[in-house]
């Protein structure tokens, strides 16, 4: 008996304590694994929902651009002015009734669309400053006058023109036969000798922000120029400024010896009656002359469409460039690019 008693564990409560702790650890581990699985599943579900919302905003944007194209095609005329329907901005409009989507109980589902159309031809196209043969004299004079009107360094005109020339690809036999948008004539077939002072291989000028690559251009200068200039994919074709939609600063730069206050008088006149042809604008100028005679018109071929879409927790701000020729040509109205913000 004494020997048997000695073989019994003297502290059985210690073994029970270890077993309890082990059970708690296993339970905690199991709960952590299950929680992790649920979290991963929730992340995947939310990711799929975000992808679906993003895809739906894409379709809304596509519908908005189709609608804008239809409006621009419908109101094509002999002149383009700011009193036409395309210039009316679209206020924030609810789209809840137009989107088929599974409703979740208690969900605050919001779908809105707003936007506006801007005449890109109301701004000066920086690509006009140079062509395959070099800088264009009258265009540089036009841009120089704009810089003077904006009280900026006039020497920037030659600098930017030289940069635009450096970014143009050489004209080859292959590219010579291509017809750019808005032109019925192919570009020149000559291959000039480049004399640009820009060193290295500069980046292509695709948007106004690319002016920062020009030596001496600062962000403040870009912001100052932004409302008055643009970059259009027009190839070697000269694009015109629409005097019916151009701001007074640009009108003052277009006409020799004209101040901004005098240009504001012209803007007030066109609000009463837009210029329906070039003769009307020439008559309004009186004895004044235009700096670059082929740089202006009363019609527009290029338009910027800004779209702002809100769909539940997804948001999409986009800008698109639409080419709508004032006279119907092959290819017709089309979207040239879309940039999402």
C-alpha atoms as a PDB file:
ATOM      1  CA  UNK A   1       0.000   0.000   0.000  1.00  0.00           C
ATOM      2  CA  UNK A   2       2.652   2.550   0.815  1.00  0.00           C
ATOM      3  CA  UNK A   3       4.398   1.853  -2.514  1.00  0.00           C
ATOM      4  CA  UNK A   4       1.150   2.274  -4.487  1.00  0.00           C
ATOM      5  CA  UNK A   5       0.440   5.548  -2.845  1.00  0.00           C
ATOM      6  CA  UNK A   6       3.885   6.797  -3.776  1.00  0.00           C
ATOM      7  CA  UNK A   7       3.209   6.157  -7.515  1.00  0.00           C
ATOM      8  CA  UNK A   8       0.121   8.464  -7.527  1.00  0.00           C
ATOM      9  CA  UNK A   9       0.723  11.984  -8.925  1.00  0.00           C
ATOM     10  CA  UNK A  10       1.188  14.369  -6.128  1.00  0.00           C
ATOM     11  CA  UNK A  11      -0.196  17.451  -8.110  1.00  0.00           C
ATOM     12  CA  UNK A  12      -3.067  16.430 -10.420  1.00  0.00           C
ATOM     13  CA  UNK A  13      -4.336  20.047 -10.578  1.00  0.00           C
ATOM     14  CA  UNK A  14      -1.237  21.032 -12.564  1.00  0.00           C
ATOM     15  CA  UNK A  15      -2.112  18.613 -15.363  1.00  0.00           C
ATOM     16  CA  UNK A  16      -5.676  19.882 -15.447  1.00  0.00           C
ATOM     17  CA  UNK A  17      -4.358  23.474 -15.674  1.00  0.00           C
ATOM     18  CA  UNK A  18      -2.130  22.606 -18.640  1.00  0.00           C
ATOM     19  CA  UNK A  19      -5.047  20.946 -20.396  1.00  0.00           C
ATOM     20  CA  UNK A  20      -7.250  24.016 -19.874  1.00  0.00           C
ATOM     21  CA  UNK A  21      -4.566  26.357 -21.190  1.00  0.00           C
ATOM     22  CA  UNK A  22      -3.985  24.150 -24.235  1.00  0.00           C
ATOM     23  CA  UNK A  23      -7.724  24.109 -24.948  1.00  0.00           C
ATOM     24  CA  UNK A  24      -7.891  27.894 -24.673  1.00  0.00           C
ATOM     25  CA  UNK A  25      -4.940  28.326 -27.016  1.00  0.00           C
ATOM     26  CA  UNK A  26      -6.478  25.984 -29.596  1.00  0.00           C
ATOM     27  CA  UNK A  27      -9.808  27.783 -29.320  1.00  0.00           C
ATOM     28  CA  UNK A  28      -8.119  31.159 -29.753  1.00  0.00           C
ATOM     29  CA  UNK A  29      -6.193  29.884 -32.758  1.00  0.00           C
ATOM     30  CA  UNK A  30      -9.379  28.496 -34.325  1.00  0.00           C
ATOM     31  CA  UNK A  31     -11.239  31.773 -33.758  1.00  0.00           C
ATOM     32  CA  UNK A  32      -8.343  33.743 -35.292  1.00  0.00           C
ATOM     33  CA  UNK A  33      -8.308  31.486 -38.362  1.00  0.00           C
ATOM     34  CA  UNK A  34     -12.071  31.776 -38.828  1.00  0.00           C
ATOM     35  CA  UNK A  35     -11.943  35.557 -38.339  1.00  0.00           C
ATOM     36  CA  UNK A  36      -9.145  35.794 -40.907  1.00  0.00           C
ATOM     37  CA  UNK A  37     -11.167  33.771 -43.406  1.00  0.00           C
ATOM     38  CA  UNK A  38     -14.201  35.977 -42.876  1.00  0.00           C
ATOM     39  CA  UNK A  39     -12.048  39.095 -43.276  1.00  0.00           C
ATOM     40  CA  UNK A  40     -10.511  37.839 -46.519  1.00  0.00           C
ATOM     41  CA  UNK A  41     -13.959  36.979 -47.826  1.00  0.00           C
ATOM     42  CA  UNK A  42     -15.229  40.447 -46.906  1.00  0.00           C
ATOM     43  CA  UNK A  43     -12.264  42.075 -48.656  1.00  0.00           C
ATOM     44  CA  UNK A  44     -12.905  40.014 -51.778  1.00  0.00           C
ATOM     45  CA  UNK A  45     -16.599  40.900 -51.763  1.00  0.00           C
ATOM     46  CA  UNK A  46     -15.826  44.593 -51.315  1.00  0.00           C
ATOM     47  CA  UNK A  47     -13.235  44.407 -54.093  1.00  0.00           C
ATOM     48  CA  UNK A  48     -15.793  42.851 -56.452  1.00  0.00           C
ATOM     49  CA  UNK A  49     -18.303  45.549 -55.521  1.00  0.00           C
ATOM     50  CA  UNK A  50     -15.728  48.259 -56.238  1.00  0.00           C
ATOM     51  CA  UNK A  51     -14.919  46.712 -59.607  1.00  0.00           C
ATOM     52  CA  UNK A  52     -18.599  46.589 -60.457  1.00  0.00           C
ATOM     53  CA  UNK A  53     -19.081  50.232 -59.446  1.00  0.00           C
ATOM     54  CA  UNK A  54     -16.035  51.248 -61.483  1.00  0.00           C
ATOM     55  CA  UNK A  55     -17.353  49.377 -64.520  1.00  0.00           C
ATOM     56  CA  UNK A  56     -20.747  51.030 -64.145  1.00  0.00           C
ATOM     57  CA  UNK A  57     -19.162  54.484 -63.997  1.00  0.00           C
ATOM     58  CA  UNK A  58     -17.326  53.624 -67.228  1.00  0.00           C
ATOM     59  CA  UNK A  59     -20.629  52.814 -68.916  1.00  0.00           C
ATOM     60  CA  UNK A  60     -22.170  56.035 -67.628  1.00  0.00           C
ATOM     61  CA  UNK A  61     -19.199  57.960 -69.045  1.00  0.00           C
ATOM     62  CA  UNK A  62     -19.609  56.214 -72.370  1.00  0.00           C
ATOM     63  CA  UNK A  63     -23.287  57.160 -72.451  1.00  0.00           C
ATOM     64  CA  UNK A  64     -22.456  60.776 -71.560  1.00  0.00           C
ATOM     65  CA  UNK A  65     -19.948  61.011 -74.415  1.00  0.00           C
ATOM     66  CA  UNK A  66     -22.438  59.474 -76.863  1.00  0.00           C
ATOM     67  CA  UNK A  67     -25.005  62.041 -75.765  1.00  0.00           C
ATOM     68  CA  UNK A  68     -22.492  64.890 -76.168  1.00  0.00           C
ATOM     69  CA  UNK A  69     -21.541  63.673 -79.636  1.00  0.00           C
ATOM     70  CA  UNK A  70     -25.205  63.542 -80.626  1.00  0.00           C
ATOM     71  CA  UNK A  71     -25.818  67.097 -79.396  1.00  0.00           C
ATOM     72  CA  UNK A  72     -22.772  68.423 -81.263  1.00  0.00           C
ATOM     73  CA  UNK A  73     -23.829  66.646 -84.456  1.00  0.00           C
ATOM     74  CA  UNK A  74     -27.417  67.862 -84.174  1.00  0.00           C
ATOM     75  CA  UNK A  75     -26.533  71.523 -83.842  1.00  0.00           C
ATOM     76  CA  UNK A  76     -23.870  71.685 -86.535  1.00  0.00           C
ATOM     77  CA  UNK A  77     -24.203  74.969 -88.420  1.00  0.00           C
ATOM     78  CA  UNK A  78     -22.417  77.710 -90.301  1.00  0.00           C
ATOM     79  CA  UNK A  79     -21.153  79.204 -87.054  1.00  0.00           C
ATOM     80  CA  UNK A  80     -20.506  78.065 -83.467  1.00  0.00           C
ATOM     81  CA  UNK A  81     -21.464  80.322 -80.571  1.00  0.00           C
ATOM     82  CA  UNK A  82     -22.032  80.172 -76.824  1.00  0.00           C
ATOM     83  CA  UNK A  83     -25.811  80.608 -77.121  1.00  0.00           C
ATOM     84  CA  UNK A  84     -26.224  77.193 -78.760  1.00  0.00           C
ATOM     85  CA  UNK A  85     -27.548  74.165 -76.794  1.00  0.00           C
ATOM     86  CA  UNK A  86     -24.170  72.395 -76.600  1.00  0.00           C
ATOM     87  CA  UNK A  87     -22.870  75.214 -74.353  1.00  0.00           C
ATOM     88  CA  UNK A  88     -25.541  74.636 -71.680  1.00  0.00           C
ATOM     89  CA  UNK A  89     -23.954  72.789 -68.728  1.00  0.00           C
ATOM     90  CA  UNK A  90     -25.612  69.687 -67.332  1.00  0.00           C
ATOM     91  CA  UNK A  91     -26.498  70.223 -63.670  1.00  0.00           C
ATOM     92  CA  UNK A  92     -26.143  67.320 -61.243  1.00  0.00           C
ATOM     93  CA  UNK A  93     -28.770  64.822 -62.388  1.00  0.00           C
ATOM     94  CA  UNK A  94     -29.832  61.723 -60.509  1.00  0.00           C
ATOM     95  CA  UNK A  95     -29.556  58.457 -62.430  1.00  0.00           C
ATOM     96  CA  UNK A  96     -31.098  56.072 -59.887  1.00  0.00           C
ATOM     97  CA  UNK A  97     -33.969  55.231 -62.198  1.00  0.00           C
ATOM     98  CA  UNK A  98     -31.694  54.487 -65.150  1.00  0.00           C
ATOM     99  CA  UNK A  99     -29.267  51.991 -63.602  1.00  0.00           C
ATOM    100  CA  UNK A 100     -30.292  48.410 -62.956  1.00  0.00           C
ATOM    101  CA  UNK A 101     -28.592  47.247 -59.793  1.00  0.00           C
ATOM    102  CA  UNK A 102     -29.439  44.856 -56.990  1.00  0.00           C
ATOM    103  CA  UNK A 103     -30.675  46.916 -54.069  1.00  0.00           C
ATOM    104  CA  UNK A 104     -29.344  46.179 -50.624  1.00  0.00           C
ATOM    105  CA  UNK A 105     -31.660  46.827 -47.728  1.00  0.00           C
ATOM    106  CA  UNK A 106     -30.611  49.919 -45.816  1.00  0.00           C
ATOM    107  CA  UNK A 107     -28.129  50.991 -48.507  1.00  0.00           C
ATOM    108  CA  UNK A 108     -27.949  54.673 -49.460  1.00  0.00           C
ATOM    109  CA  UNK A 109     -27.583  54.314 -53.221  1.00  0.00           C
ATOM    110  CA  UNK A 110     -26.720  57.536 -55.075  1.00  0.00           C
ATOM    111  CA  UNK A 111     -26.009  57.894 -58.783  1.00  0.00           C
ATOM    112  CA  UNK A 112     -25.509  61.343 -60.310  1.00  0.00           C
ATOM    113  CA  UNK A 113     -24.060  62.808 -63.493  1.00  0.00           C
ATOM    114  CA  UNK A 114     -22.998  66.376 -64.224  1.00  0.00           C
ATOM    115  CA  UNK A 115     -20.751  68.001 -66.765  1.00  0.00           C
ATOM    116  CA  UNK A 116     -20.228  70.616 -69.420  1.00  0.00           C
ATOM    117  CA  UNK A 117     -18.908  71.074 -72.943  1.00  0.00           C
ATOM    118  CA  UNK A 118     -16.160  73.604 -73.649  1.00  0.00           C
ATOM    119  CA  UNK A 119     -15.127  74.838 -77.059  1.00  0.00           C
ATOM    120  CA  UNK A 120     -11.476  73.821 -77.409  1.00  0.00           C
ATOM    121  CA  UNK A 121     -11.255  76.088 -80.461  1.00  0.00           C
ATOM    122  CA  UNK A 122     -11.760  79.049 -78.131  1.00  0.00           C
ATOM    123  CA  UNK A 123      -8.141  78.550 -77.045  1.00  0.00           C
ATOM    124  CA  UNK A 124      -4.881  78.901 -78.925  1.00  0.00           C
ATOM    125  CA  UNK A 125      -3.395  75.629 -80.163  1.00  0.00           C
ATOM    126  CA  UNK A 126       0.286  75.575 -79.200  1.00  0.00           C
ATOM    127  CA  UNK A 127       1.064  73.217 -82.063  1.00  0.00           C
ATOM    128  CA  UNK A 128       0.364  76.076 -84.472  1.00  0.00           C
ATOM    129  CA  UNK A 129       3.672  77.641 -83.457  1.00  0.00           C
ATOM    130  CA  UNK A 130       5.709  75.279 -85.642  1.00  0.00           C
ATOM    131  CA  UNK A 131       5.357  72.883 -88.527  1.00  0.00           C
ATOM    132  CA  UNK A 132       7.679  70.503 -90.336  1.00  0.00           C
ATOM    133  CA  UNK A 133       9.586  73.439 -91.842  1.00  0.00           C
ATOM    134  CA  UNK A 134      10.197  75.286 -88.564  1.00  0.00           C
ATOM    135  CA  UNK A 135       8.462  77.958 -86.515  1.00  0.00           C
ATOM    136  CA  UNK A 136       5.561  79.820 -88.153  1.00  0.00           C
ATOM    137  CA  UNK A 137       6.230  83.563 -88.097  1.00  0.00           C
ATOM    138  CA  UNK A 138       2.682  84.910 -87.916  1.00  0.00           C
ATOM    139  CA  UNK A 139       1.703  82.313 -85.293  1.00  0.00           C
ATOM    140  CA  UNK A 140       4.676  83.262 -83.130  1.00  0.00           C
ATOM    141  CA  UNK A 141       3.593  86.903 -83.465  1.00  0.00           C
ATOM    142  CA  UNK A 142       0.049  85.944 -82.413  1.00  0.00           C
ATOM    143  CA  UNK A 143       1.302  84.056 -79.370  1.00  0.00           C
ATOM    144  CA  UNK A 144       3.744  86.817 -78.504  1.00  0.00           C
ATOM    145  CA  UNK A 145       0.861  89.278 -78.491  1.00  0.00           C
ATOM    146  CA  UNK A 146      -1.066  86.948 -76.173  1.00  0.00           C
ATOM    147  CA  UNK A 147       1.865  86.832 -73.759  1.00  0.00           C
ATOM    148  CA  UNK A 148       2.010  90.628 -73.833  1.00  0.00           C
ATOM    149  CA  UNK A 149      -1.705  90.832 -73.101  1.00  0.00           C
ATOM    150  CA  UNK A 150      -1.272  88.450 -70.162  1.00  0.00           C
ATOM    151  CA  UNK A 151       1.738  90.481 -68.974  1.00  0.00           C
ATOM    152  CA  UNK A 152       4.124  87.556 -69.342  1.00  0.00           C
ATOM    153  CA  UNK A 153       7.614  87.294 -70.825  1.00  0.00           C
ATOM    154  CA  UNK A 154       7.235  87.703 -74.580  1.00  0.00           C
ATOM    155  CA  UNK A 155      10.480  85.802 -75.179  1.00  0.00           C
ATOM    156  CA  UNK A 156       8.658  82.625 -74.160  1.00  0.00           C
ATOM    157  CA  UNK A 157       6.974  82.546 -77.570  1.00  0.00           C
ATOM    158  CA  UNK A 158      10.192  81.773 -79.462  1.00  0.00           C
ATOM    159  CA  UNK A 159      11.260  79.330 -76.756  1.00  0.00           C
ATOM    160  CA  UNK A 160       7.992  77.371 -76.871  1.00  0.00           C
ATOM    161  CA  UNK A 161       7.916  77.462 -80.690  1.00  0.00           C
ATOM    162  CA  UNK A 162      11.421  76.005 -80.797  1.00  0.00           C
ATOM    163  CA  UNK A 163      10.363  73.267 -78.395  1.00  0.00           C
ATOM    164  CA  UNK A 164       7.246  72.435 -80.443  1.00  0.00           C
ATOM    165  CA  UNK A 165       9.409  72.188 -83.552  1.00  0.00           C
ATOM    166  CA  UNK A 166      11.835  69.855 -81.767  1.00  0.00           C
ATOM    167  CA  UNK A 167       9.011  67.501 -80.783  1.00  0.00           C
ATOM    168  CA  UNK A 168       7.603  67.146 -84.296  1.00  0.00           C
ATOM    169  CA  UNK A 169       8.517  63.878 -86.047  1.00  0.00           C
ATOM    170  CA  UNK A 170      10.357  64.141 -89.359  1.00  0.00           C
ATOM    171  CA  UNK A 171       8.074  64.036 -92.377  1.00  0.00           C
ATOM    172  CA  UNK A 172       8.693  60.841 -94.309  1.00  0.00           C
ATOM    173  CA  UNK A 173       7.161  59.320 -97.391  1.00  0.00           C
ATOM    174  CA  UNK A 174       4.916  57.227 -95.178  1.00  0.00           C
ATOM    175  CA  UNK A 175       3.611  60.060 -92.996  1.00  0.00           C
ATOM    176  CA  UNK A 176       3.355  62.422 -95.926  1.00  0.00           C
ATOM    177  CA  UNK A 177       0.344  60.537 -97.247  1.00  0.00           C
ATOM    178  CA  UNK A 178      -1.573  60.675 -93.965  1.00  0.00           C
ATOM    179  CA  UNK A 179      -4.387  63.193 -93.626  1.00  0.00           C
ATOM    180  CA  UNK A 180      -4.796  64.689 -90.134  1.00  0.00           C
ATOM    181  CA  UNK A 181      -8.261  65.272 -88.642  1.00  0.00           C
ATOM    182  CA  UNK A 182     -10.050  68.298 -90.031  1.00  0.00           C
ATOM    183  CA  UNK A 183      -7.968  68.508 -93.215  1.00  0.00           C
ATOM    184  CA  UNK A 184      -8.590  67.305 -96.737  1.00  0.00           C
ATOM    185  CA  UNK A 185      -4.979  67.914 -97.768  1.00  0.00           C
ATOM    186  CA  UNK A 186      -2.028  65.720 -96.696  1.00  0.00           C
ATOM    187  CA  UNK A 187       0.900  67.348 -94.892  1.00  0.00           C
ATOM    188  CA  UNK A 188       3.953  68.556 -96.761  1.00  0.00           C
ATOM    189  CA  UNK A 189       6.184  65.910 -98.294  1.00  0.00           C
ATOM    190  CA  UNK A 190       9.490  67.705 -97.707  1.00  0.00           C
ATOM    191  CA  UNK A 191      12.003  66.515 -95.125  1.00  0.00           C
ATOM    192  CA  UNK A 192      13.642  69.620 -93.638  1.00  0.00           C
ATOM    193  CA  UNK A 193      16.980  69.820 -91.863  1.00  0.00           C
ATOM    194  CA  UNK A 194      16.304  70.325 -88.136  1.00  0.00           C
ATOM    195  CA  UNK A 195      17.916  73.359 -86.512  1.00  0.00           C
ATOM    196  CA  UNK A 196      16.241  73.272 -83.111  1.00  0.00           C
ATOM    197  CA  UNK A 197      18.296  74.470 -80.169  1.00  0.00           C
ATOM    198  CA  UNK A 198      16.583  72.002 -77.810  1.00  0.00           C
ATOM    199  CA  UNK A 199      19.134  69.406 -76.713  1.00  0.00           C
ATOM    200  CA  UNK A 200      18.354  65.730 -76.348  1.00  0.00           C
ATOM    201  CA  UNK A 201      15.033  64.159 -77.250  1.00  0.00           C
ATOM    202  CA  UNK A 202      12.194  66.262 -75.759  1.00  0.00           C
ATOM    203  CA  UNK A 203       8.890  64.721 -74.748  1.00  0.00           C
ATOM    204  CA  UNK A 204       5.947  65.217 -77.067  1.00  0.00           C
ATOM    205  CA  UNK A 205       3.647  68.118 -76.300  1.00  0.00           C
ATOM    206  CA  UNK A 206       0.345  66.373 -75.525  1.00  0.00           C
ATOM    207  CA  UNK A 207      -1.226  68.677 -72.945  1.00  0.00           C
ATOM    208  CA  UNK A 208      -0.683  72.096 -71.424  1.00  0.00           C
ATOM    209  CA  UNK A 209       1.131  70.642 -68.405  1.00  0.00           C
ATOM    210  CA  UNK A 210       3.887  69.410 -70.744  1.00  0.00           C
ATOM    211  CA  UNK A 211       5.034  73.037 -71.043  1.00  0.00           C
ATOM    212  CA  UNK A 212       6.933  72.421 -67.814  1.00  0.00           C
ATOM    213  CA  UNK A 213       9.508  70.598 -69.943  1.00  0.00           C
ATOM    214  CA  UNK A 214      10.349  73.864 -71.722  1.00  0.00           C
ATOM    215  CA  UNK A 215      13.341  75.580 -70.058  1.00  0.00           C
ATOM    216  CA  UNK A 216      12.254  78.602 -68.054  1.00  0.00           C
ATOM    217  CA  UNK A 217       8.571  77.615 -67.771  1.00  0.00           C
ATOM    218  CA  UNK A 218       7.261  77.400 -64.197  1.00  0.00           C
ATOM    219  CA  UNK A 219       4.051  76.016 -62.759  1.00  0.00           C
ATOM    220  CA  UNK A 220       2.764  79.559 -62.194  1.00  0.00           C
ATOM    221  CA  UNK A 221       3.254  80.339 -65.890  1.00  0.00           C
ATOM    222  CA  UNK A 222       1.424  77.183 -66.899  1.00  0.00           C
ATOM    223  CA  UNK A 223      -1.544  78.048 -64.683  1.00  0.00           C
ATOM    224  CA  UNK A 224      -1.600  81.557 -66.129  1.00  0.00           C
ATOM    225  CA  UNK A 225      -1.676  80.211 -69.685  1.00  0.00           C
ATOM    226  CA  UNK A 226      -4.051  77.295 -69.079  1.00  0.00           C
ATOM    227  CA  UNK A 227      -7.382  79.140 -69.732  1.00  0.00           C
ATOM    228  CA  UNK A 228      -6.104  80.479 -73.060  1.00  0.00           C
ATOM    229  CA  UNK A 229      -4.058  77.686 -74.690  1.00  0.00           C
ATOM    230  CA  UNK A 230      -4.529  74.035 -75.561  1.00  0.00           C
ATOM    231  CA  UNK A 231      -2.801  71.202 -77.426  1.00  0.00           C
ATOM    232  CA  UNK A 232      -4.795  69.569 -80.207  1.00  0.00           C
ATOM    233  CA  UNK A 233      -3.785  66.426 -82.160  1.00  0.00           C
ATOM    234  CA  UNK A 234      -4.052  68.265 -85.459  1.00  0.00           C
ATOM    235  CA  UNK A 235      -0.847  67.057 -87.083  1.00  0.00           C
ATOM    236  CA  UNK A 236       0.640  69.714 -89.367  1.00  0.00           C
ATOM    237  CA  UNK A 237      -2.760  71.301 -89.955  1.00  0.00           C
ATOM    238  CA  UNK A 238      -3.295  74.839 -88.690  1.00  0.00           C
ATOM    239  CA  UNK A 239      -6.253  75.064 -86.311  1.00  0.00           C
ATOM    240  CA  UNK A 240      -8.210  78.294 -85.968  1.00  0.00           C
ATOM    241  CA  UNK A 241      -9.499  80.232 -82.974  1.00  0.00           C
ATOM    242  CA  UNK A 242     -13.259  80.721 -82.901  1.00  0.00           C
ATOM    243  CA  UNK A 243     -13.887  84.426 -82.317  1.00  0.00           C
ATOM    244  CA  UNK A 244     -17.464  83.634 -81.233  1.00  0.00           C
ATOM    245  CA  UNK A 245     -16.219  81.744 -78.167  1.00  0.00           C
ATOM    246  CA  UNK A 246     -12.702  83.062 -77.504  1.00  0.00           C
ATOM    247  CA  UNK A 247     -12.081  85.031 -74.275  1.00  0.00           C
ATOM    248  CA  UNK A 248     -11.391  88.772 -74.564  1.00  0.00           C
ATOM    249  CA  UNK A 249      -7.670  88.278 -73.859  1.00  0.00           C
ATOM    250  CA  UNK A 250      -7.353  86.083 -76.928  1.00  0.00           C
ATOM    251  CA  UNK A 251      -9.355  88.499 -79.085  1.00  0.00           C
ATOM    252  CA  UNK A 252      -7.069  91.323 -77.961  1.00  0.00           C
ATOM    253  CA  UNK A 253      -4.042  89.220 -78.936  1.00  0.00           C
ATOM    254  CA  UNK A 254      -5.541  88.407 -82.340  1.00  0.00           C
ATOM    255  CA  UNK A 255      -6.219  92.014 -83.357  1.00  0.00           C
ATOM    256  CA  UNK A 256      -3.388  94.511 -83.624  1.00  0.00           C
ATOM    257  CA  UNK A 257      -3.360  97.414 -81.155  1.00  0.00           C
ATOM    258  CA  UNK A 258      -6.432  96.218 -79.263  1.00  0.00           C
ATOM    259  CA  UNK A 259      -6.730  96.384 -75.500  1.00  0.00           C
ATOM    260  CA  UNK A 260      -8.579  93.912 -73.311  1.00  0.00           C
ATOM    261  CA  UNK A 261     -11.235  96.513 -72.500  1.00  0.00           C
ATOM    262  CA  UNK A 262     -11.903  97.014 -76.215  1.00  0.00           C
ATOM    263  CA  UNK A 263     -12.063  93.241 -76.637  1.00  0.00           C
ATOM    264  CA  UNK A 264     -14.654  93.114 -73.860  1.00  0.00           C
ATOM    265  CA  UNK A 265     -16.781  95.458 -75.968  1.00  0.00           C
ATOM    266  CA  UNK A 266     -16.596  92.945 -78.825  1.00  0.00           C
ATOM    267  CA  UNK A 267     -17.609  90.158 -76.433  1.00  0.00           C
ATOM    268  CA  UNK A 268     -20.648  92.188 -75.360  1.00  0.00           C
ATOM    269  CA  UNK A 269     -21.589  92.670 -79.021  1.00  0.00           C
ATOM    270  CA  UNK A 270     -21.378  88.983 -79.849  1.00  0.00           C
ATOM    271  CA  UNK A 271     -23.643  88.138 -76.896  1.00  0.00           C
ATOM    272  CA  UNK A 272     -26.346  90.151 -78.597  1.00  0.00           C
ATOM    273  CA  UNK A 273     -25.671  88.726 -82.053  1.00  0.00           C
ATOM    274  CA  UNK A 274     -22.935  86.148 -82.758  1.00  0.00           C
ATOM    275  CA  UNK A 275     -20.857  86.628 -85.879  1.00  0.00           C
ATOM    276  CA  UNK A 276     -22.373  84.303 -88.465  1.00  0.00           C
ATOM    277  CA  UNK A 277     -19.516  84.626 -90.928  1.00  0.00           C
ATOM    278  CA  UNK A 278     -16.041  86.101 -91.142  1.00  0.00           C
ATOM    279  CA  UNK A 279     -17.311  89.226 -92.844  1.00  0.00           C
ATOM    280  CA  UNK A 280     -19.419  90.093 -89.803  1.00  0.00           C
ATOM    281  CA  UNK A 281     -16.356  89.957 -87.555  1.00  0.00           C
ATOM    282  CA  UNK A 282     -14.267  92.009 -89.982  1.00  0.00           C
ATOM    283  CA  UNK A 283     -17.010  94.644 -90.041  1.00  0.00           C
ATOM    284  CA  UNK A 284     -17.080  94.731 -86.233  1.00  0.00           C
ATOM    285  CA  UNK A 285     -13.324  95.408 -86.179  1.00  0.00           C
ATOM    286  CA  UNK A 286     -13.635  98.534 -88.293  1.00  0.00           C
ATOM    287  CA  UNK A 287     -10.214  99.693 -89.464  1.00  0.00           C
ATOM    288  CA  UNK A 288      -8.292  97.257 -87.271  1.00  0.00           C
ATOM    289  CA  UNK A 289      -6.369  94.353 -88.788  1.00  0.00           C
ATOM    290  CA  UNK A 290      -5.888  90.785 -87.652  1.00  0.00           C
ATOM    291  CA  UNK A 291      -2.317  89.721 -86.852  1.00  0.00           C
ATOM    292  CA  UNK A 292      -2.601  86.233 -88.383  1.00  0.00           C
ATOM    293  CA  UNK A 293      -5.314  86.283 -91.017  1.00  0.00           C
ATOM    294  CA  UNK A 294      -5.727  82.514 -91.278  1.00  0.00           C
ATOM    295  CA  UNK A 295      -5.731  81.946 -87.502  1.00  0.00           C
ATOM    296  CA  UNK A 296      -9.407  82.610 -86.790  1.00  0.00           C
ATOM    297  CA  UNK A 297     -12.882  81.544 -87.855  1.00  0.00           C
ATOM    298  CA  UNK A 298     -16.488  81.611 -86.635  1.00  0.00           C
ATOM    299  CA  UNK A 299     -16.839  77.815 -86.387  1.00  0.00           C
ATOM    300  CA  UNK A 300     -15.299  75.149 -84.144  1.00  0.00           C
ATOM    301  CA  UNK A 301     -14.077  71.627 -84.790  1.00  0.00           C
ATOM    302  CA  UNK A 302     -12.771  70.669 -81.335  1.00  0.00           C
ATOM    303  CA  UNK A 303     -14.663  70.341 -78.059  1.00  0.00           C
ATOM    304  CA  UNK A 304     -13.751  69.317 -74.503  1.00  0.00           C
ATOM    305  CA  UNK A 305     -16.340  67.333 -72.537  1.00  0.00           C
ATOM    306  CA  UNK A 306     -15.948  67.304 -68.745  1.00  0.00           C
ATOM    307  CA  UNK A 307     -17.935  64.593 -66.927  1.00  0.00           C
ATOM    308  CA  UNK A 308     -18.397  64.163 -63.195  1.00  0.00           C
ATOM    309  CA  UNK A 309     -19.957  60.845 -62.132  1.00  0.00           C
ATOM    310  CA  UNK A 310     -20.911  59.745 -58.619  1.00  0.00           C
ATOM    311  CA  UNK A 311     -22.116  56.180 -58.070  1.00  0.00           C
ATOM    312  CA  UNK A 312     -22.522  55.098 -54.453  1.00  0.00           C
ATOM    313  CA  UNK A 313     -18.980  55.329 -53.028  1.00  0.00           C
ATOM    314  CA  UNK A 314     -17.345  55.420 -56.489  1.00  0.00           C
ATOM    315  CA  UNK A 315     -16.477  58.670 -58.260  1.00  0.00           C
ATOM    316  CA  UNK A 316     -15.105  59.385 -61.714  1.00  0.00           C
ATOM    317  CA  UNK A 317     -14.022  62.726 -63.151  1.00  0.00           C
ATOM    318  CA  UNK A 318     -13.043  62.575 -66.798  1.00  0.00           C
ATOM    319  CA  UNK A 319     -12.280  64.893 -69.684  1.00  0.00           C
ATOM    320  CA  UNK A 320     -12.624  63.899 -73.330  1.00  0.00           C
ATOM    321  CA  UNK A 321     -11.644  65.627 -76.553  1.00  0.00           C
ATOM    322  CA  UNK A 322     -14.213  65.351 -79.350  1.00  0.00           C
ATOM    323  CA  UNK A 323     -13.461  66.187 -82.968  1.00  0.00           C
ATOM    324  CA  UNK A 324     -16.573  67.385 -84.766  1.00  0.00           C
ATOM    325  CA  UNK A 325     -15.736  68.860 -88.157  1.00  0.00           C
ATOM    326  CA  UNK A 326     -17.784  71.915 -89.098  1.00  0.00           C
ATOM    327  CA  UNK A 327     -18.236  70.341 -92.525  1.00  0.00           C
ATOM    328  CA  UNK A 328     -18.976  66.586 -92.707  1.00  0.00           C
ATOM    329  CA  UNK A 329     -15.963  64.493 -93.710  1.00  0.00           C
ATOM    330  CA  UNK A 330     -15.056  60.811 -93.710  1.00  0.00           C
ATOM    331  CA  UNK A 331     -14.923  59.469 -90.173  1.00  0.00           C
ATOM    332  CA  UNK A 332     -17.312  62.104 -88.843  1.00  0.00           C
ATOM    333  CA  UNK A 333     -17.493  63.085 -85.186  1.00  0.00           C
ATOM    334  CA  UNK A 334     -15.315  60.976 -82.907  1.00  0.00           C
ATOM    335  CA  UNK A 335     -13.678  60.919 -79.500  1.00  0.00           C
ATOM    336  CA  UNK A 336      -9.937  61.557 -79.798  1.00  0.00           C
ATOM    337  CA  UNK A 337      -8.902  60.795 -76.192  1.00  0.00           C
ATOM    338  CA  UNK A 338     -10.263  60.371 -72.671  1.00  0.00           C
ATOM    339  CA  UNK A 339      -8.325  61.359 -69.550  1.00  0.00           C
ATOM    340  CA  UNK A 340      -9.557  60.282 -66.155  1.00  0.00           C
ATOM    341  CA  UNK A 341      -8.806  62.187 -62.977  1.00  0.00           C
END
